Each structure stands twice: as C-alpha cells, then as structure tokens.
Amino acid sequence: DAASDTGAELSYNAKSAFGNINLKIYTQPGTELILIQSQAILKNTLYLKLNNAAGQVVAEKDFYQGSTICHFDAATLYDGTYFLTATDGSEVKIFEVVVQR
C-alpha cells in the first residue's frame, strides 16, 4: 500500500535553512510510522517536535542535514490529531498530522 498523504504539506520559499524545501508528512493506516519527506537534501538540520491536541510534547527528533526522510515511531500514540512543529532555529512551521489505525 502506498502512503496516504494527510494533506499536511507546505512549501518553504524563505531564505533560511528551509530554503526552497518542500516537506510532506505521510501517515499510513495500519502502520506505526509518521514519515516526513523533504523533496531536496537538507542543507541544515531541522528540529521536529510532535505535540498532542492538549499541547503536550509526545516526541522530539532532529531531521539531520543531508537527509531527505525522517520518521517518528507512532506505536505508542493514540489515534487522533497531532501537531508537528519544524524549526531551523529562526523559522517555525506547523503541520497537522492525523494518526488513525
């Protein structure tokens, strides 16, 4: 099965670590992963934070320079809506992620 796009997708055109990077967030029903894909190799590390609907941080991860894919293990997450924050230290972008099994 192909990953189903949650619709959470943004293109960045700012002059920062984000550059012209297009990030896409994928969840696949029945799996235990949240995938974050960059359409280009990252020039700088991005810092990712996953919050639940109550605002509590449930996971944090670095999306390392030179990478194109990063993932969160969703095995311990309840079904529901989460918010993924991506920052390069100066810019912050927030994505909505739906976990559904």
Protein backbone atom coordinates (compact mmCIF):
# COMPACT_ATOMS: atom_id res chain seq x y z
CA ASP A 1 0.00 0.00 0.00
CA ALA A 2 1.19 3.48 -0.79
CA ALA A 3 1.39 6.02 1.99
CA SER A 4 -1.70 8.18 2.23
CA ASP A 5 -0.96 11.89 2.27
CA THR A 6 -2.58 13.58 5.26
CA GLY A 7 -2.85 16.78 3.25
CA ALA A 8 -0.32 18.42 5.55
CA GLU A 9 2.10 19.85 3.03
CA LEU A 10 3.86 23.20 2.82
CA SER A 11 6.44 24.70 0.50
CA TYR A 12 9.07 26.99 2.00
CA ASN A 13 10.47 29.87 0.00
CA ALA A 14 12.20 31.80 2.76
CA LYS A 15 15.96 32.44 2.76
CA SER A 16 16.86 30.25 5.73
CA ALA A 17 17.67 26.61 6.43
CA PHE A 18 14.29 25.74 4.97
CA GLY A 19 15.35 27.26 1.64
CA ASN A 20 13.05 26.07 -1.13
CA ILE A 21 12.39 22.77 0.61
CA ASN A 22 9.01 21.14 0.22
CA LEU A 23 8.18 18.99 3.25
CA LYS A 24 5.48 16.33 3.08
CA ILE A 25 4.04 14.42 6.02
CA TYR A 26 2.72 10.90 5.46
CA THR A 27 0.85 8.51 7.70
CA GLN A 28 -0.16 5.06 6.56
CA PRO A 29 -3.16 3.50 8.29
CA GLY A 30 -2.22 0.25 9.99
CA THR A 31 1.45 1.16 10.40
CA GLU A 32 3.36 2.58 13.32
CA LEU A 33 5.18 5.40 11.49
CA ILE A 34 4.81 9.08 10.70
CA LEU A 35 7.09 9.85 7.74
CA ILE A 36 8.46 13.31 6.97
CA GLN A 37 9.94 13.66 3.49
CA SER A 38 11.92 16.53 2.03
CA GLN A 39 11.90 16.88 -1.75
CA ALA A 40 15.53 18.06 -1.56
CA ILE A 41 18.52 17.18 0.61
CA LEU A 42 18.52 19.33 3.75
CA LYS A 43 21.31 21.88 3.91
CA ASN A 44 20.83 22.36 7.66
CA THR A 45 19.34 20.27 10.46
CA LEU A 46 15.67 20.89 11.25
CA TYR A 47 14.31 20.29 14.74
CA LEU A 48 10.99 18.43 14.90
CA LYS A 49 8.55 18.27 17.80
CA LEU A 50 5.27 16.31 17.91
CA ASN A 51 2.53 17.62 20.21
CA ASN A 52 -0.82 16.05 21.05
CA ALA A 53 -4.07 18.03 20.91
CA ALA A 54 -3.57 19.10 24.56
CA GLY A 55 -0.22 20.68 23.63
CA GLN A 56 1.94 18.08 25.40
CA VAL A 57 5.20 17.11 23.66
CA VAL A 58 4.98 13.39 22.83
CA ALA A 59 8.15 13.09 20.71
CA GLU A 60 11.13 15.12 19.50
CA LYS A 61 13.64 14.38 16.76
CA ASP A 62 16.33 16.01 14.63
CA PHE A 63 15.89 15.89 10.84
CA TYR A 64 19.58 15.85 10.02
CA GLN A 65 21.43 17.85 7.39
CA GLY A 66 21.97 15.73 4.26
CA SER A 67 18.79 13.72 4.82
CA THR A 68 15.58 13.50 2.82
CA ILE A 69 13.49 11.28 5.12
CA CYS A 70 12.83 11.26 8.85
CA HIS A 71 10.24 9.33 10.84
CA PHE A 72 8.53 9.15 14.20
CA ASP A 73 7.50 5.85 15.77
CA ALA A 74 3.74 6.13 16.33
CA ALA A 75 3.37 2.76 18.12
CA THR A 76 2.71 4.41 21.49
CA LEU A 77 0.46 7.18 20.16
CA TYR A 78 -3.31 7.11 20.46
CA ASP A 79 -5.43 7.69 17.38
CA GLY A 80 -6.11 11.38 16.95
CA THR A 81 -4.76 14.70 15.76
CA TYR A 82 -1.20 15.79 16.49
CA PHE A 83 0.80 18.86 15.55
CA LEU A 84 4.30 18.56 14.11
CA THR A 85 6.48 21.64 14.56
CA ALA A 86 9.53 22.04 12.30
CA THR A 87 12.08 24.75 13.03
CA ASP A 88 15.53 25.75 11.85
CA GLY A 89 16.04 27.99 14.90
CA SER A 90 14.56 31.10 13.29
CA GLU A 91 11.55 29.94 11.27
CA VAL A 92 8.77 27.73 12.62
CA LYS A 93 6.27 25.76 10.55
CA ILE A 94 3.44 23.66 11.99
CA PHE A 95 1.75 20.67 10.33
CA GLU A 96 -1.39 18.82 11.37
CA VAL A 97 -0.93 15.04 11.48
CA VAL A 98 -3.74 12.51 11.91
CA VAL A 99 -2.88 9.11 13.40
CA GLN A 100 -5.52 6.52 12.55
CA ARG A 101 -5.21 2.76 12.71
